[in-house]
Amino acid sequence: MKAFNTIGAAHLTTEGAPAGTPGRRALQIAGNDDAATQTVTALLDEFGFDAVDAGSLSEG
């Protein structure tokens, strides 16, 4: 998995917003394992971010 490389660590605790919030920030993820992609997507949602799946690691 490739995730969290488009946001600074300090922003993880300050820029999250509830799901459905207009303008909610989205972060790109990429991975070769569907289960891991689902796990990271859920984790991002808990942190207050949407996930944008960029595809496999070679594409992302």
N, C-alpha and C. Protein backbone atom coordinates (compact mmCIF):
# COMPACT_ATOMS: atom_id res chain seq x y z
N MET A 1 0.82 -1.18 0.00
CA MET A 1 0.00 0.00 0.00
C MET A 1 0.86 1.24 0.00
N LYS A 2 0.36 2.23 -0.68
CA LYS A 2 0.96 3.56 -0.68
C LYS A 2 -0.13 4.52 -0.24
N ALA A 3 0.11 5.19 0.88
CA ALA A 3 -0.89 6.11 1.42
C ALA A 3 -0.19 7.14 2.31
N PHE A 4 -0.87 8.20 2.60
CA PHE A 4 -0.39 9.23 3.51
C PHE A 4 0.83 10.00 3.01
N ASN A 5 1.20 9.84 1.74
CA ASN A 5 2.36 10.58 1.25
C ASN A 5 1.96 11.90 0.59
N THR A 6 0.68 12.26 0.66
CA THR A 6 0.24 13.53 0.09
C THR A 6 -0.25 14.49 1.17
N ILE A 7 0.12 14.20 2.42
CA ILE A 7 -0.30 15.04 3.54
C ILE A 7 0.78 15.02 4.61
N GLY A 8 1.03 16.16 5.19
CA GLY A 8 1.98 16.24 6.29
C GLY A 8 1.38 15.64 7.55
N ALA A 9 2.21 15.06 8.39
CA ALA A 9 1.73 14.40 9.60
C ALA A 9 0.91 15.32 10.48
N ALA A 10 1.29 16.56 10.61
CA ALA A 10 0.56 17.50 11.47
C ALA A 10 -0.86 17.74 10.98
N HIS A 11 -1.08 17.63 9.68
CA HIS A 11 -2.41 17.88 9.11
C HIS A 11 -3.37 16.72 9.33
N LEU A 12 -2.84 15.54 9.65
CA LEU A 12 -3.72 14.39 9.90
C LEU A 12 -4.65 14.64 11.09
N THR A 13 -4.21 15.45 12.03
CA THR A 13 -5.02 15.69 13.22
C THR A 13 -5.81 17.00 13.15
N THR A 14 -5.57 17.80 12.10
CA THR A 14 -6.24 19.10 12.05
C THR A 14 -7.13 19.30 10.83
N GLU A 15 -6.98 18.51 9.78
CA GLU A 15 -7.72 18.76 8.54
C GLU A 15 -8.82 17.75 8.24
N GLY A 16 -9.00 16.77 9.11
CA GLY A 16 -10.06 15.79 8.90
C GLY A 16 -11.43 16.41 9.12
N ALA A 17 -12.44 15.81 8.49
CA ALA A 17 -13.82 16.30 8.60
C ALA A 17 -14.76 15.10 8.52
N PRO A 18 -15.95 15.21 9.10
CA PRO A 18 -16.91 14.11 9.02
C PRO A 18 -17.30 13.80 7.57
N ALA A 19 -17.64 12.55 7.33
CA ALA A 19 -18.09 12.13 6.00
C ALA A 19 -19.26 12.98 5.56
N GLY A 20 -19.27 13.37 4.29
CA GLY A 20 -20.34 14.19 3.75
C GLY A 20 -20.13 15.68 3.88
N THR A 21 -19.06 16.08 4.58
CA THR A 21 -18.76 17.50 4.72
C THR A 21 -18.34 18.07 3.37
N PRO A 22 -18.98 19.16 2.90
CA PRO A 22 -18.55 19.76 1.64
C PRO A 22 -17.06 20.16 1.72
N GLY A 23 -16.32 19.85 0.68
CA GLY A 23 -14.91 20.20 0.63
C GLY A 23 -14.01 19.30 1.44
N ARG A 24 -14.52 18.16 1.90
CA ARG A 24 -13.69 17.22 2.67
C ARG A 24 -12.48 16.82 1.85
N ARG A 25 -11.34 16.84 2.47
CA ARG A 25 -10.09 16.55 1.77
C ARG A 25 -10.02 15.06 1.41
N ALA A 26 -9.48 14.78 0.24
CA ALA A 26 -9.30 13.41 -0.23
C ALA A 26 -7.81 13.14 -0.40
N LEU A 27 -7.40 11.93 -0.05
CA LEU A 27 -6.00 11.53 -0.18
C LEU A 27 -5.91 10.34 -1.13
N GLN A 28 -4.88 10.35 -1.96
CA GLN A 28 -4.66 9.25 -2.90
C GLN A 28 -4.08 8.05 -2.18
N ILE A 29 -4.53 6.87 -2.62
CA ILE A 29 -3.94 5.62 -2.16
C ILE A 29 -3.69 4.75 -3.38
N ALA A 30 -2.77 3.81 -3.25
CA ALA A 30 -2.50 2.85 -4.31
C ALA A 30 -2.08 1.54 -3.66
N GLY A 31 -2.46 0.44 -4.26
CA GLY A 31 -2.08 -0.84 -3.70
C GLY A 31 -2.41 -2.00 -4.61
N ASN A 32 -1.81 -3.13 -4.32
CA ASN A 32 -2.01 -4.33 -5.12
C ASN A 32 -2.90 -5.36 -4.43
N ASP A 33 -3.40 -5.04 -3.24
CA ASP A 33 -4.19 -5.99 -2.46
C ASP A 33 -5.53 -5.34 -2.13
N ASP A 34 -6.61 -5.94 -2.61
CA ASP A 34 -7.94 -5.36 -2.41
C ASP A 34 -8.32 -5.24 -0.94
N ALA A 35 -7.99 -6.23 -0.14
CA ALA A 35 -8.33 -6.18 1.29
C ALA A 35 -7.57 -5.05 1.97
N ALA A 36 -6.30 -4.87 1.64
CA ALA A 36 -5.51 -3.78 2.23
C ALA A 36 -6.06 -2.42 1.78
N THR A 37 -6.49 -2.32 0.54
CA THR A 37 -7.07 -1.07 0.04
C THR A 37 -8.33 -0.73 0.83
N GLN A 38 -9.17 -1.71 1.10
CA GLN A 38 -10.38 -1.48 1.89
C GLN A 38 -10.04 -1.06 3.31
N THR A 39 -9.02 -1.68 3.89
CA THR A 39 -8.61 -1.34 5.25
C THR A 39 -8.11 0.09 5.33
N VAL A 40 -7.26 0.49 4.38
CA VAL A 40 -6.71 1.85 4.39
C VAL A 40 -7.81 2.87 4.10
N THR A 41 -8.74 2.54 3.22
CA THR A 41 -9.87 3.44 2.94
C THR A 41 -10.68 3.67 4.21
N ALA A 42 -10.94 2.62 4.97
CA ALA A 42 -11.69 2.75 6.23
C ALA A 42 -10.90 3.57 7.25
N LEU A 43 -9.59 3.37 7.30
CA LEU A 43 -8.75 4.12 8.23
C LEU A 43 -8.77 5.61 7.88
N LEU A 44 -8.65 5.92 6.61
CA LEU A 44 -8.71 7.32 6.19
C LEU A 44 -10.04 7.95 6.58
N ASP A 45 -11.13 7.21 6.41
CA ASP A 45 -12.44 7.72 6.77
C ASP A 45 -12.49 8.01 8.28
N GLU A 46 -11.92 7.14 9.09
CA GLU A 46 -11.88 7.37 10.54
C GLU A 46 -11.10 8.64 10.88
N PHE A 47 -10.05 8.91 10.10
CA PHE A 47 -9.25 10.12 10.31
C PHE A 47 -9.93 11.37 9.76
N GLY A 48 -10.99 11.18 8.95
CA GLY A 48 -11.73 12.32 8.42
C GLY A 48 -11.39 12.70 7.00
N PHE A 49 -10.94 11.72 6.21
CA PHE A 49 -10.55 11.99 4.83
C PHE A 49 -11.21 10.98 3.89
N ASP A 50 -11.48 11.41 2.67
CA ASP A 50 -11.92 10.50 1.62
C ASP A 50 -10.70 9.88 0.97
N ALA A 51 -10.87 8.73 0.36
CA ALA A 51 -9.77 8.06 -0.35
C ALA A 51 -10.05 8.11 -1.85
N VAL A 52 -9.01 8.36 -2.60
CA VAL A 52 -9.07 8.28 -4.06
C VAL A 52 -8.13 7.16 -4.47
N ASP A 53 -8.70 6.07 -4.98
CA ASP A 53 -7.91 4.90 -5.35
C ASP A 53 -7.23 5.14 -6.70
N ALA A 54 -5.91 5.23 -6.69
CA ALA A 54 -5.14 5.46 -7.90
C ALA A 54 -4.79 4.17 -8.63
N GLY A 55 -5.25 3.04 -8.11
CA GLY A 55 -4.99 1.75 -8.76
C GLY A 55 -3.82 1.02 -8.11
N SER A 56 -3.13 0.25 -8.94
CA SER A 56 -2.02 -0.55 -8.43
C SER A 56 -0.82 0.31 -8.07
N LEU A 57 0.13 -0.27 -7.38
CA LEU A 57 1.33 0.48 -7.01
C LEU A 57 2.09 0.98 -8.23
N SER A 58 2.10 0.22 -9.30
CA SER A 58 2.81 0.66 -10.50
C SER A 58 2.11 1.85 -11.16
N GLU A 59 0.80 1.98 -10.96
CA GLU A 59 0.05 3.10 -11.52
C GLU A 59 0.03 4.31 -10.59
N GLY A 60 0.05 4.04 -9.28
CA GLY A 60 -0.09 5.11 -8.29
C GLY A 60 1.21 5.75 -7.97
